[in-house]
Each structure stands twice: as structure tokens, then as C-alpha cells.
Amino acid sequence: MRALVQRVTQASVTVKGAVVGEIGPGAMVLICAMAGDTQAQADQMAAKIARLRIFRDEAGKMNLSLLQTAGAVLLVSQFTLAADTSRGNRPGFSAAAPPDAGALLVDRCGDTLRGLGVSVATGVFGADMAVSLVNDGPVTLWLEV
């Protein structure tokens, strides 16, 4: 699985003009299930996201996790994270998991985050979404498991 994690002060996702998910302080996570990924990898990704020490402590150092700050996650499926741009100018996405498998793994990641105690809002898998966020820092990290 691949994820792009951004520390945010707020984030939301809109589908057809309606807000379907929004959070205050926490992490905006664009996530992509890759071909061959497993439920264990979805669980591993969730644990990694929940425990990433990217939030400021009292001294202003990045030393706290979502679990320690009660921050939320806006989890949005993003198959384009699987893009292969090595040939030509048109990206290829064959490395992404098929849609049915991808949806299950993204849902599994969200469920695992909830099970760890993280508040999770989501987009709509496969929908045309408009994402809005205020990146805090900015802090943006690329994860692969």
C-alpha cells in the first residue's frame, strides 16, 4: 500500500457538491492499494499512520502521534499514487489493485484506524472528489508498506 500523509489543521472532501467527510486537526491521507496487497498490509499501514510522530509537542518538536493528540484522519482513496511515469507522458496505473480489491483494502485500513482509536472520515471510493485542506507546517510524508 502507498499513502501520502499530510498534517492538516482541517480537511474535507466533497462529492457532487455535498461534503461527505471532514476533519479538524489531524492527517489528510491519500491512500492506494497496490496489486497484490493484503489485509495485513492494510493493517500495517493503519498502524503506521496512527503512530507517526508528526505532531508538535509542548516544545514544538514533531514528537506526538495521532493517538497522542486525538487527531483525526480524512482517508481518501487515490489510485493515481500507483502511477508509472517511466515511459512517455501518459501515466500507467496497472500497478494499482483492481477496484474491488482496492476498495476492500482501503476500507480495511480505515476500520483498523478506528479500532486503534482514531476518528476517521472518508471520501467515496471511485467517485470524482474535490479535496480541500490546510496543510500544517507543511508536513507531507510518503509511506509504503
N, C-alpha and C. Protein backbone atom coordinates (compact mmCIF):
# COMPACT_ATOMS: atom_id res chain seq x y z
N MET A 1 0.85 -1.17 0.00
CA MET A 1 0.00 0.00 0.00
C MET A 1 0.89 1.23 0.00
N ARG A 2 0.35 2.26 -0.58
CA ARG A 2 1.03 3.55 -0.62
C ARG A 2 0.11 4.60 -0.01
N ALA A 3 0.72 5.55 0.68
CA ALA A 3 -0.07 6.65 1.24
C ALA A 3 0.74 7.93 1.22
N LEU A 4 0.05 9.02 0.98
CA LEU A 4 0.61 10.35 1.11
C LEU A 4 -0.10 10.98 2.30
N VAL A 5 0.66 11.26 3.36
CA VAL A 5 0.11 11.75 4.61
C VAL A 5 0.48 13.21 4.77
N GLN A 6 -0.52 14.04 5.01
CA GLN A 6 -0.29 15.47 5.21
C GLN A 6 -0.86 15.87 6.56
N ARG A 7 -0.04 16.53 7.37
CA ARG A 7 -0.53 17.08 8.64
C ARG A 7 -1.39 18.28 8.30
N VAL A 8 -2.61 18.33 8.84
CA VAL A 8 -3.54 19.40 8.48
C VAL A 8 -4.17 20.02 9.73
N THR A 9 -4.62 21.26 9.56
CA THR A 9 -5.44 21.88 10.59
C THR A 9 -6.91 21.61 10.32
N GLN A 10 -7.23 21.35 9.03
CA GLN A 10 -8.58 20.95 8.63
C GLN A 10 -8.53 20.38 7.23
N ALA A 11 -9.51 19.53 6.91
CA ALA A 11 -9.60 18.95 5.57
C ALA A 11 -11.02 18.47 5.34
N SER A 12 -11.41 18.47 4.06
CA SER A 12 -12.74 17.97 3.71
C SER A 12 -12.72 17.40 2.31
N VAL A 13 -13.71 16.57 2.03
CA VAL A 13 -13.87 16.01 0.70
C VAL A 13 -15.34 16.15 0.32
N THR A 14 -15.55 16.58 -0.93
CA THR A 14 -16.88 16.85 -1.45
C THR A 14 -17.13 15.99 -2.67
N VAL A 15 -18.34 15.43 -2.78
CA VAL A 15 -18.77 14.66 -3.94
C VAL A 15 -20.08 15.27 -4.42
N LYS A 16 -20.12 15.67 -5.68
CA LYS A 16 -21.32 16.26 -6.28
C LYS A 16 -21.89 17.40 -5.44
N GLY A 17 -20.99 18.25 -4.93
CA GLY A 17 -21.40 19.42 -4.18
C GLY A 17 -21.73 19.19 -2.72
N ALA A 18 -21.69 17.95 -2.24
CA ALA A 18 -22.00 17.64 -0.85
C ALA A 18 -20.74 17.18 -0.11
N VAL A 19 -20.52 17.75 1.06
CA VAL A 19 -19.40 17.32 1.88
C VAL A 19 -19.71 15.92 2.42
N VAL A 20 -18.82 14.97 2.11
CA VAL A 20 -19.02 13.59 2.56
C VAL A 20 -18.07 13.21 3.69
N GLY A 21 -17.05 14.01 3.92
CA GLY A 21 -16.11 13.76 5.01
C GLY A 21 -15.35 15.01 5.34
N GLU A 22 -15.15 15.27 6.63
CA GLU A 22 -14.35 16.42 7.04
C GLU A 22 -13.77 16.18 8.42
N ILE A 23 -12.61 16.80 8.64
CA ILE A 23 -11.94 16.70 9.94
C ILE A 23 -11.38 18.06 10.31
N GLY A 24 -11.06 18.20 11.59
CA GLY A 24 -10.29 19.32 12.09
C GLY A 24 -8.82 18.92 12.08
N PRO A 25 -8.09 19.23 13.14
CA PRO A 25 -6.66 18.88 13.18
C PRO A 25 -6.43 17.38 13.07
N GLY A 26 -5.42 17.03 12.30
CA GLY A 26 -5.08 15.62 12.13
C GLY A 26 -4.29 15.39 10.86
N ALA A 27 -4.67 14.35 10.11
CA ALA A 27 -3.93 13.95 8.92
C ALA A 27 -4.87 13.70 7.75
N MET A 28 -4.56 14.31 6.63
CA MET A 28 -5.20 14.02 5.35
C MET A 28 -4.38 12.90 4.74
N VAL A 29 -5.01 11.76 4.45
CA VAL A 29 -4.29 10.60 3.93
C VAL A 29 -4.87 10.20 2.59
N LEU A 30 -4.09 10.36 1.53
CA LEU A 30 -4.42 9.81 0.22
C LEU A 30 -3.82 8.42 0.19
N ILE A 31 -4.63 7.41 -0.13
CA ILE A 31 -4.17 6.03 0.01
C ILE A 31 -4.47 5.22 -1.25
N CYS A 32 -3.55 4.32 -1.59
CA CYS A 32 -3.68 3.49 -2.78
C CYS A 32 -3.31 2.05 -2.44
N ALA A 33 -4.22 1.14 -2.72
CA ALA A 33 -3.90 -0.28 -2.62
C ALA A 33 -3.23 -0.71 -3.92
N MET A 34 -2.13 -1.40 -3.80
CA MET A 34 -1.38 -1.86 -4.96
C MET A 34 -1.76 -3.30 -5.26
N ALA A 35 -1.58 -3.71 -6.51
CA ALA A 35 -1.86 -5.09 -6.90
C ALA A 35 -1.07 -6.03 -5.99
N GLY A 36 -1.74 -7.03 -5.45
CA GLY A 36 -1.09 -8.00 -4.59
C GLY A 36 -1.06 -7.63 -3.12
N ASP A 37 -1.53 -6.44 -2.76
CA ASP A 37 -1.55 -6.06 -1.35
C ASP A 37 -2.52 -6.95 -0.56
N THR A 38 -2.26 -7.06 0.73
CA THR A 38 -3.03 -7.94 1.60
C THR A 38 -3.69 -7.15 2.74
N GLN A 39 -4.59 -7.83 3.44
CA GLN A 39 -5.21 -7.21 4.61
C GLN A 39 -4.16 -6.90 5.67
N ALA A 40 -3.15 -7.75 5.78
CA ALA A 40 -2.08 -7.49 6.75
C ALA A 40 -1.36 -6.19 6.42
N GLN A 41 -1.17 -5.90 5.14
CA GLN A 41 -0.53 -4.65 4.76
C GLN A 41 -1.44 -3.45 5.06
N ALA A 42 -2.73 -3.61 4.89
CA ALA A 42 -3.67 -2.54 5.24
C ALA A 42 -3.61 -2.26 6.74
N ASP A 43 -3.54 -3.32 7.54
CA ASP A 43 -3.42 -3.16 8.99
C ASP A 43 -2.10 -2.49 9.36
N GLN A 44 -1.03 -2.89 8.68
CA GLN A 44 0.29 -2.31 8.93
C GLN A 44 0.30 -0.83 8.58
N MET A 45 -0.34 -0.47 7.47
CA MET A 45 -0.41 0.93 7.07
C MET A 45 -1.18 1.74 8.10
N ALA A 46 -2.30 1.20 8.56
CA ALA A 46 -3.10 1.90 9.57
C ALA A 46 -2.28 2.14 10.84
N ALA A 47 -1.58 1.13 11.28
CA ALA A 47 -0.76 1.26 12.49
C ALA A 47 0.33 2.32 12.30
N LYS A 48 0.93 2.32 11.13
CA LYS A 48 1.98 3.30 10.83
C LYS A 48 1.41 4.72 10.86
N ILE A 49 0.26 4.92 10.23
CA ILE A 49 -0.38 6.24 10.20
C ILE A 49 -0.73 6.68 11.62
N ALA A 50 -1.32 5.79 12.41
CA ALA A 50 -1.76 6.14 13.76
C ALA A 50 -0.59 6.51 14.66
N ARG A 51 0.57 5.90 14.42
CA ARG A 51 1.70 6.08 15.32
C ARG A 51 2.78 7.04 14.80
N LEU A 52 2.60 7.58 13.60
CA LEU A 52 3.57 8.54 13.07
C LEU A 52 3.70 9.73 14.00
N ARG A 53 4.91 10.03 14.39
CA ARG A 53 5.14 11.16 15.31
C ARG A 53 5.39 12.42 14.48
N ILE A 54 4.30 13.03 14.01
CA ILE A 54 4.41 14.21 13.14
C ILE A 54 3.72 15.44 13.72
N PHE A 55 3.24 15.33 14.97
CA PHE A 55 2.55 16.45 15.59
C PHE A 55 3.42 17.06 16.69
N ARG A 56 3.28 18.37 16.88
CA ARG A 56 4.15 19.10 17.80
C ARG A 56 3.85 18.77 19.27
N ASP A 57 4.94 18.64 20.04
CA ASP A 57 4.81 18.52 21.48
C ASP A 57 4.89 19.91 22.10
N GLU A 58 4.96 19.98 23.42
CA GLU A 58 5.00 21.27 24.11
C GLU A 58 6.21 22.12 23.71
N ALA A 59 7.28 21.47 23.30
CA ALA A 59 8.50 22.18 22.90
C ALA A 59 8.50 22.53 21.41
N GLY A 60 7.42 22.18 20.69
CA GLY A 60 7.34 22.49 19.27
C GLY A 60 8.00 21.47 18.37
N LYS A 61 8.46 20.37 18.93
CA LYS A 61 9.12 19.31 18.15
C LYS A 61 8.08 18.33 17.63
N MET A 62 8.33 17.78 16.43
CA MET A 62 7.46 16.73 15.89
C MET A 62 7.74 15.46 16.70
N ASN A 63 6.89 15.20 17.68
CA ASN A 63 7.16 14.12 18.61
C ASN A 63 5.90 13.38 19.05
N LEU A 64 4.71 13.80 18.57
CA LEU A 64 3.47 13.18 19.00
C LEU A 64 2.73 12.56 17.82
N SER A 65 1.95 11.53 18.11
CA SER A 65 1.19 10.82 17.08
C SER A 65 -0.28 11.21 17.14
N LEU A 66 -1.04 10.72 16.15
CA LEU A 66 -2.49 10.90 16.17
C LEU A 66 -3.08 10.34 17.46
N LEU A 67 -2.57 9.21 17.90
CA LEU A 67 -3.08 8.57 19.11
C LEU A 67 -2.86 9.45 20.34
N GLN A 68 -1.77 10.19 20.36
CA GLN A 68 -1.45 11.04 21.49
C GLN A 68 -2.15 12.39 21.45
N THR A 69 -2.53 12.83 20.26
CA THR A 69 -3.13 14.16 20.11
C THR A 69 -4.64 14.11 19.90
N ALA A 70 -5.20 12.92 19.77
CA ALA A 70 -6.63 12.74 19.45
C ALA A 70 -6.96 13.39 18.12
N GLY A 71 -5.98 13.43 17.21
CA GLY A 71 -6.22 13.94 15.87
C GLY A 71 -7.03 12.96 15.05
N ALA A 72 -7.65 13.47 13.99
CA ALA A 72 -8.49 12.64 13.11
C ALA A 72 -7.78 12.40 11.79
N VAL A 73 -8.32 11.47 11.02
CA VAL A 73 -7.82 11.16 9.69
C VAL A 73 -8.94 11.35 8.67
N LEU A 74 -8.63 12.03 7.58
CA LEU A 74 -9.50 12.02 6.40
C LEU A 74 -8.83 11.10 5.41
N LEU A 75 -9.43 9.93 5.19
CA LEU A 75 -8.86 8.87 4.36
C LEU A 75 -9.55 8.88 3.00
N VAL A 76 -8.76 9.15 1.95
CA VAL A 76 -9.31 9.28 0.60
C VAL A 76 -8.57 8.35 -0.35
N SER A 77 -9.31 7.48 -1.01
CA SER A 77 -8.69 6.57 -1.98
C SER A 77 -8.12 7.37 -3.15
N GLN A 78 -6.94 6.95 -3.62
CA GLN A 78 -6.24 7.71 -4.65
C GLN A 78 -5.42 6.75 -5.51
N PHE A 79 -6.07 6.11 -6.49
CA PHE A 79 -5.36 5.11 -7.29
C PHE A 79 -4.21 5.71 -8.08
N THR A 80 -4.21 7.01 -8.28
CA THR A 80 -3.14 7.62 -9.07
C THR A 80 -1.79 7.59 -8.34
N LEU A 81 -1.77 7.23 -7.05
CA LEU A 81 -0.49 7.04 -6.37
C LEU A 81 0.27 5.85 -6.93
N ALA A 82 -0.40 5.02 -7.71
CA ALA A 82 0.24 3.87 -8.35
C ALA A 82 0.82 4.21 -9.72
N ALA A 83 0.80 5.47 -10.08
CA ALA A 83 1.20 5.89 -11.43
C ALA A 83 2.63 5.46 -11.78
N ASP A 84 2.76 4.93 -12.98
CA ASP A 84 4.06 4.63 -13.57
C ASP A 84 4.29 5.67 -14.65
N THR A 85 5.28 6.52 -14.44
CA THR A 85 5.57 7.60 -15.39
C THR A 85 6.92 7.39 -16.07
N SER A 86 7.39 6.14 -16.07
CA SER A 86 8.72 5.87 -16.61
C SER A 86 8.79 5.90 -18.13
N ARG A 87 7.64 5.75 -18.79
CA ARG A 87 7.63 5.75 -20.26
C ARG A 87 6.64 6.79 -20.76
N GLY A 88 7.10 7.68 -21.58
CA GLY A 88 6.21 8.65 -22.19
C GLY A 88 5.64 9.64 -21.21
N ASN A 89 4.56 10.28 -21.62
CA ASN A 89 3.96 11.33 -20.81
C ASN A 89 2.61 10.95 -20.22
N ARG A 90 2.09 9.78 -20.57
CA ARG A 90 0.81 9.35 -20.03
C ARG A 90 1.07 8.30 -18.95
N PRO A 91 0.66 8.59 -17.70
CA PRO A 91 0.91 7.63 -16.63
C PRO A 91 0.13 6.34 -16.84
N GLY A 92 0.72 5.24 -16.39
CA GLY A 92 0.04 3.95 -16.39
C GLY A 92 -0.32 3.58 -14.96
N PHE A 93 -1.43 2.89 -14.79
CA PHE A 93 -1.92 2.58 -13.44
C PHE A 93 -2.09 1.08 -13.21
N SER A 94 -1.42 0.26 -14.00
CA SER A 94 -1.59 -1.19 -13.89
C SER A 94 -1.06 -1.74 -12.56
N ALA A 95 -0.26 -0.99 -11.85
CA ALA A 95 0.26 -1.45 -10.56
C ALA A 95 -0.76 -1.32 -9.43
N ALA A 96 -1.84 -0.58 -9.68
CA ALA A 96 -2.88 -0.41 -8.67
C ALA A 96 -3.69 -1.70 -8.55
N ALA A 97 -4.22 -1.94 -7.37
CA ALA A 97 -5.10 -3.10 -7.17
C ALA A 97 -6.36 -2.91 -7.99
N PRO A 98 -6.99 -3.99 -8.43
CA PRO A 98 -8.28 -3.86 -9.11
C PRO A 98 -9.28 -3.15 -8.17
N PRO A 99 -10.24 -2.44 -8.74
CA PRO A 99 -11.15 -1.63 -7.90
C PRO A 99 -11.81 -2.37 -6.74
N ASP A 100 -12.32 -3.57 -6.95
CA ASP A 100 -12.98 -4.29 -5.85
C ASP A 100 -12.01 -4.58 -4.71
N ALA A 101 -10.84 -5.07 -5.05
CA ALA A 101 -9.83 -5.38 -4.04
C ALA A 101 -9.33 -4.09 -3.39
N GLY A 102 -9.14 -3.04 -4.18
CA GLY A 102 -8.68 -1.77 -3.64
C GLY A 102 -9.65 -1.20 -2.63
N ALA A 103 -10.94 -1.24 -2.96
CA ALA A 103 -11.96 -0.71 -2.05
C ALA A 103 -11.94 -1.47 -0.73
N LEU A 104 -11.83 -2.79 -0.78
CA LEU A 104 -11.80 -3.58 0.44
C LEU A 104 -10.59 -3.24 1.31
N LEU A 105 -9.44 -3.05 0.68
CA LEU A 105 -8.23 -2.76 1.44
C LEU A 105 -8.24 -1.35 2.02
N VAL A 106 -8.76 -0.39 1.28
CA VAL A 106 -8.88 0.96 1.81
C VAL A 106 -9.86 0.97 2.99
N ASP A 107 -10.98 0.27 2.84
CA ASP A 107 -11.94 0.15 3.94
C ASP A 107 -11.29 -0.52 5.15
N ARG A 108 -10.51 -1.56 4.91
CA ARG A 108 -9.84 -2.27 5.99
C ARG A 108 -8.89 -1.33 6.74
N CYS A 109 -8.16 -0.52 6.02
CA CYS A 109 -7.25 0.44 6.65
C CYS A 109 -8.03 1.40 7.54
N GLY A 110 -9.14 1.92 7.04
CA GLY A 110 -9.98 2.81 7.83
C GLY A 110 -10.54 2.13 9.07
N ASP A 111 -11.02 0.91 8.91
CA ASP A 111 -11.56 0.16 10.05
C ASP A 111 -10.49 -0.11 11.10
N THR A 112 -9.28 -0.42 10.64
CA THR A 112 -8.18 -0.68 11.57
C THR A 112 -7.80 0.60 12.32
N LEU A 113 -7.77 1.73 11.61
CA LEU A 113 -7.51 3.00 12.29
C LEU A 113 -8.56 3.27 13.37
N ARG A 114 -9.83 3.04 13.03
CA ARG A 114 -10.90 3.22 14.02
C ARG A 114 -10.70 2.30 15.22
N GLY A 115 -10.32 1.07 14.94
CA GLY A 115 -10.07 0.10 16.00
C GLY A 115 -8.93 0.51 16.93
N LEU A 116 -8.01 1.30 16.40
CA LEU A 116 -6.90 1.81 17.21
C LEU A 116 -7.30 3.05 18.00
N GLY A 117 -8.51 3.56 17.74
CA GLY A 117 -8.99 4.73 18.47
C GLY A 117 -8.90 6.04 17.72
N VAL A 118 -8.62 5.98 16.44
CA VAL A 118 -8.51 7.20 15.63
C VAL A 118 -9.87 7.49 14.99
N SER A 119 -10.31 8.73 15.05
CA SER A 119 -11.52 9.16 14.36
C SER A 119 -11.21 9.25 12.87
N VAL A 120 -12.04 8.61 12.04
CA VAL A 120 -11.78 8.54 10.61
C VAL A 120 -12.99 9.02 9.82
N ALA A 121 -12.76 9.97 8.91
CA ALA A 121 -13.74 10.37 7.91
C ALA A 121 -13.20 9.90 6.57
N THR A 122 -14.08 9.67 5.60
CA THR A 122 -13.62 9.13 4.31
C THR A 122 -14.24 9.86 3.14
N GLY A 123 -13.63 9.65 2.00
CA GLY A 123 -14.23 10.03 0.73
C GLY A 123 -15.10 8.89 0.26
N VAL A 124 -15.42 8.89 -1.03
CA VAL A 124 -16.23 7.84 -1.64
C VAL A 124 -15.38 7.14 -2.68
N PHE A 125 -15.11 5.86 -2.47
CA PHE A 125 -14.22 5.12 -3.36
C PHE A 125 -14.73 5.21 -4.80
N GLY A 126 -13.84 5.59 -5.72
CA GLY A 126 -14.16 5.64 -7.14
C GLY A 126 -14.92 6.87 -7.59
N ALA A 127 -15.31 7.73 -6.67
CA ALA A 127 -16.07 8.94 -7.04
C ALA A 127 -15.12 10.04 -7.49
N ASP A 128 -15.67 11.00 -8.21
CA ASP A 128 -14.95 12.22 -8.57
C ASP A 128 -15.05 13.14 -7.36
N MET A 129 -13.94 13.32 -6.65
CA MET A 129 -13.95 14.04 -5.38
C MET A 129 -13.18 15.34 -5.48
N ALA A 130 -13.65 16.33 -4.73
CA ALA A 130 -12.92 17.59 -4.56
C ALA A 130 -12.41 17.60 -3.13
N VAL A 131 -11.10 17.68 -2.98
CA VAL A 131 -10.48 17.64 -1.66
C VAL A 131 -9.94 19.03 -1.33
N SER A 132 -10.24 19.46 -0.12
CA SER A 132 -9.77 20.75 0.36
C SER A 132 -9.03 20.52 1.67
N LEU A 133 -7.89 21.19 1.84
CA LEU A 133 -7.15 21.02 3.09
C LEU A 133 -6.30 22.23 3.37
N VAL A 134 -5.96 22.37 4.64
CA VAL A 134 -4.98 23.35 5.07
C VAL A 134 -3.81 22.56 5.64
N ASN A 135 -2.72 22.50 4.85
CA ASN A 135 -1.54 21.74 5.25
C ASN A 135 -0.85 22.50 6.36
N ASP A 136 -0.53 21.81 7.44
CA ASP A 136 0.08 22.41 8.61
C ASP A 136 1.57 22.13 8.61
N GLY A 137 2.36 23.17 8.46
CA GLY A 137 3.82 23.03 8.51
C GLY A 137 4.52 23.67 7.34
N PRO A 138 4.41 23.16 6.16
CA PRO A 138 3.73 21.95 5.74
C PRO A 138 4.52 20.70 6.12
N VAL A 139 3.77 19.66 6.48
CA VAL A 139 4.35 18.34 6.74
C VAL A 139 3.65 17.37 5.81
N THR A 140 4.43 16.75 4.91
CA THR A 140 3.90 15.78 3.95
C THR A 140 4.87 14.61 3.87
N LEU A 141 4.35 13.38 4.06
CA LEU A 141 5.19 12.19 4.08
C LEU A 141 4.64 11.13 3.12
N TRP A 142 5.53 10.41 2.47
CA TRP A 142 5.19 9.30 1.58
C TRP A 142 5.45 8.01 2.34
N LEU A 143 4.43 7.14 2.41
CA LEU A 143 4.59 5.85 3.10
C LEU A 143 4.33 4.70 2.14
N GLU A 144 5.08 3.62 2.32
CA GLU A 144 4.82 2.37 1.61
C GLU A 144 5.00 1.23 2.58
N VAL A 145 4.07 0.27 2.53
CA VAL A 145 4.22 -0.94 3.35
C VAL A 145 3.96 -2.14 2.47
